[in-house]
Protein backbone atom coordinates (compact mmCIF):
# COMPACT_ATOMS: atom_id res chain seq x y z
CA UNK A 1 149.88 -64.90 32.42
CA UNK A 2 150.51 -67.09 29.39
CA UNK A 3 152.46 -70.31 29.62
CA UNK A 4 156.18 -70.12 29.09
CA UNK A 5 158.15 -71.87 26.42
CA UNK A 6 159.50 -74.32 28.98
CA UNK A 7 155.95 -75.20 30.03
CA UNK A 8 154.98 -75.74 26.40
CA UNK A 9 158.00 -77.98 25.83
CA UNK A 10 157.21 -80.00 28.96
CA UNK A 11 153.64 -80.47 27.79
CA UNK A 12 154.85 -81.60 24.35
CA UNK A 13 157.26 -84.11 25.90
CA UNK A 14 154.52 -85.41 28.18
CA UNK A 15 152.08 -85.87 25.28
CA UNK A 16 154.83 -87.60 23.27
CA UNK A 17 155.50 -89.93 26.21
CA UNK A 18 151.78 -90.71 26.40
CA UNK A 19 151.69 -91.40 22.68
CA UNK A 20 154.74 -93.67 22.96
CA UNK A 21 153.11 -95.43 25.84
CA UNK A 22 149.94 -95.94 23.83
CA UNK A 23 151.98 -97.13 20.86
CA UNK A 24 153.89 -99.62 22.97
CA UNK A 25 150.60 -100.87 24.44
CA UNK A 26 149.20 -101.15 20.90
CA UNK A 27 152.27 -103.12 19.82
CA UNK A 28 151.98 -105.41 22.84
CA UNK A 29 148.28 -105.95 22.12
CA UNK A 30 149.14 -106.89 18.56
CA UNK A 31 151.91 -109.27 19.67
CA UNK A 32 149.44 -111.17 21.86
CA UNK A 33 147.22 -112.03 18.89
CA UNK A 34 147.82 -115.63 17.67
CA UNK A 35 147.93 -114.75 13.94
CA UNK A 36 150.66 -112.18 14.61
CA UNK A 37 152.64 -114.71 16.64
CA UNK A 38 152.25 -117.29 13.84
CA UNK A 39 153.42 -114.75 11.27
CA UNK A 40 156.43 -113.85 13.40
CA UNK A 41 157.31 -117.53 13.79
CA UNK A 42 157.18 -118.04 10.02
CA UNK A 43 159.27 -114.91 9.52
CA UNK A 44 161.92 -116.07 11.98
CA UNK A 45 162.03 -119.54 10.42
CA UNK A 46 162.58 -118.02 6.98
CA UNK A 47 165.17 -115.44 7.99
CA UNK A 48 168.07 -117.35 6.37
CA UNK A 49 166.21 -117.47 3.06
CA UNK A 50 165.19 -113.84 3.37
CA UNK A 51 168.77 -112.84 4.13
CA UNK A 52 169.95 -114.76 1.05
CA UNK A 53 167.27 -113.12 -1.10
CA UNK A 54 168.19 -109.67 0.21
CA UNK A 55 171.86 -110.37 -0.57
CA UNK A 56 171.02 -111.38 -4.16
CA UNK A 57 168.73 -108.38 -4.60
CA UNK A 58 171.41 -106.08 -3.20
CA UNK A 59 173.97 -107.45 -5.66
CA UNK A 60 171.49 -107.03 -8.52
CA UNK A 61 170.73 -103.49 -7.40
CA UNK A 62 174.44 -102.66 -7.14
CA UNK A 63 175.03 -104.07 -10.65
CA UNK A 64 172.08 -102.15 -12.11
CA UNK A 65 173.23 -98.99 -10.36
CA UNK A 66 176.77 -99.35 -11.72
CA UNK A 67 175.48 -99.99 -15.24
CA UNK A 68 173.04 -97.09 -15.06
CA UNK A 69 175.74 -94.66 -13.96
CA UNK A 70 178.53 -95.86 -16.29
CA UNK A 71 178.73 -93.10 -18.91
CA UNK A 72 181.14 -95.05 -21.13
CA UNK A 73 178.81 -98.06 -21.27
CA UNK A 74 175.79 -95.85 -21.93
CA UNK A 75 177.61 -94.03 -24.74
CA UNK A 76 178.78 -97.33 -26.28
CA UNK A 77 175.26 -98.74 -26.09
CA UNK A 78 173.82 -95.57 -27.64
CA UNK A 79 176.36 -95.69 -30.48
CA UNK A 80 175.66 -99.37 -31.15
CA UNK A 81 171.92 -98.76 -31.18
CA UNK A 82 172.31 -95.82 -33.56
CA UNK A 83 174.41 -97.96 -35.92
CA UNK A 84 171.65 -100.56 -35.95
CA UNK A 85 168.73 -98.13 -36.32
CA UNK A 86 170.25 -95.82 -38.95
CA UNK A 87 170.22 -98.32 -41.86
CA UNK A 88 166.68 -99.40 -40.96
CA UNK A 89 165.51 -95.78 -40.83
CA UNK A 90 167.26 -94.98 -44.13
CA UNK A 91 165.61 -98.00 -45.80
CA UNK A 92 162.20 -97.01 -44.44
CA UNK A 93 162.67 -93.45 -45.68
CA UNK A 94 163.66 -94.74 -49.13
CA UNK A 95 160.61 -97.00 -49.34
CA UNK A 96 158.31 -94.20 -48.19
CA UNK A 97 159.84 -91.81 -50.71
CA UNK A 98 159.41 -94.35 -53.54
CA UNK A 99 155.80 -94.99 -52.52
CA UNK A 100 154.99 -91.27 -52.50
CA UNK A 101 156.66 -90.75 -55.89
CA UNK A 102 154.83 -93.76 -57.35
CA UNK A 103 151.54 -92.42 -55.99
CA UNK A 104 152.19 -89.03 -57.58
CA UNK A 105 153.00 -90.66 -60.94
CA UNK A 106 149.92 -92.88 -60.77
CA UNK A 107 147.72 -89.87 -60.00
CA UNK A 108 149.21 -87.84 -62.87
CA UNK A 109 148.78 -90.63 -65.44
CA UNK A 110 145.27 -91.14 -66.74
CA UNK A 111 145.93 -93.60 -69.58
CA UNK A 112 144.19 -96.94 -69.33
CA UNK A 113 146.28 -100.07 -69.22
CA UNK A 114 145.05 -102.65 -71.71
CA UNK A 115 145.70 -106.35 -72.08
CA UNK A 116 148.86 -105.84 -74.13
CA UNK A 117 150.10 -103.29 -71.59
CA UNK A 118 149.66 -105.89 -68.82
CA UNK A 119 151.49 -108.49 -70.91
CA UNK A 120 154.38 -106.06 -71.45
CA UNK A 121 154.42 -105.35 -67.68
CA UNK A 122 154.67 -109.09 -66.95
CA UNK A 123 158.09 -109.11 -68.66
CA UNK A 124 159.44 -106.46 -66.26
CA UNK A 125 161.98 -108.01 -63.84
CA UNK A 126 160.51 -106.16 -60.86
CA UNK A 127 157.02 -107.45 -61.66
CA UNK A 128 158.41 -110.98 -62.01
CA UNK A 129 160.21 -110.67 -58.67
CA UNK A 130 157.04 -109.41 -56.99
CA UNK A 131 154.92 -112.18 -58.51
CA UNK A 132 157.43 -114.85 -57.39
CA UNK A 133 157.37 -113.42 -53.88
CA UNK A 134 153.57 -113.34 -53.84
CA UNK A 135 153.40 -116.94 -55.06
CA UNK A 136 155.94 -118.13 -52.45
CA UNK A 137 154.13 -116.23 -49.69
CA UNK A 138 150.78 -117.75 -50.62
CA UNK A 139 152.37 -121.24 -50.73
CA UNK A 140 153.87 -120.81 -47.25
CA UNK A 141 150.59 -119.56 -45.75
CA UNK A 142 148.69 -122.44 -47.38
CA UNK A 143 151.18 -124.98 -45.95
CA UNK A 144 150.86 -123.49 -42.47
CA UNK A 145 147.07 -123.58 -42.66
CA UNK A 146 147.23 -127.26 -43.67
CA UNK A 147 149.58 -127.99 -40.75
CA UNK A 148 147.22 -126.27 -38.29
CA UNK A 149 144.24 -128.13 -39.71
CA UNK A 150 145.99 -131.50 -39.37
CA UNK A 151 146.94 -130.88 -35.71
C-alpha cells in the first residue's frame, strides 16, 4: 500500500528538523571561527552608531516617501517646471524657425555679394551687434588663455 498523507507529513517534518539541525550546526561552526567572532565584536561595539544611522536613514526615507506621494507638491513642482521650460522652448523654436527660414532664403538667392554689398551689410545694426559680440567673445577667450598660461 502507498504511504498515507500523515506519513508524508511526518517525513517532511522530520527532514525539516534535520535541515534545521544541520543549519544550527552550520551556524555554530561559523560562530567558532575567529574572523566571525571579531566581526561580531566590531558589530556590537558599533551598534549605537548603526542605530543612529538607521534612525537618520529612516527619517530620510520617511521624508522622501512623503514628498513622493504628495500630489499637491508634485503638481506645484510640475507647474513651476513648465513655467520655466516653456519660455526656453519657445525661444528655441523661434531661433530654429529663423535659422530654417534664413537657410531657405540663402538657398533661393544666387546673387553674388560684392565688396560694396559687404560694406552696406556692415552698417546693418544686427551685423554690428553680432560683430561686437564676436569681438568680445574672442577677447574673453584670449584673456582666459593668458591666465591659464601664466598659472
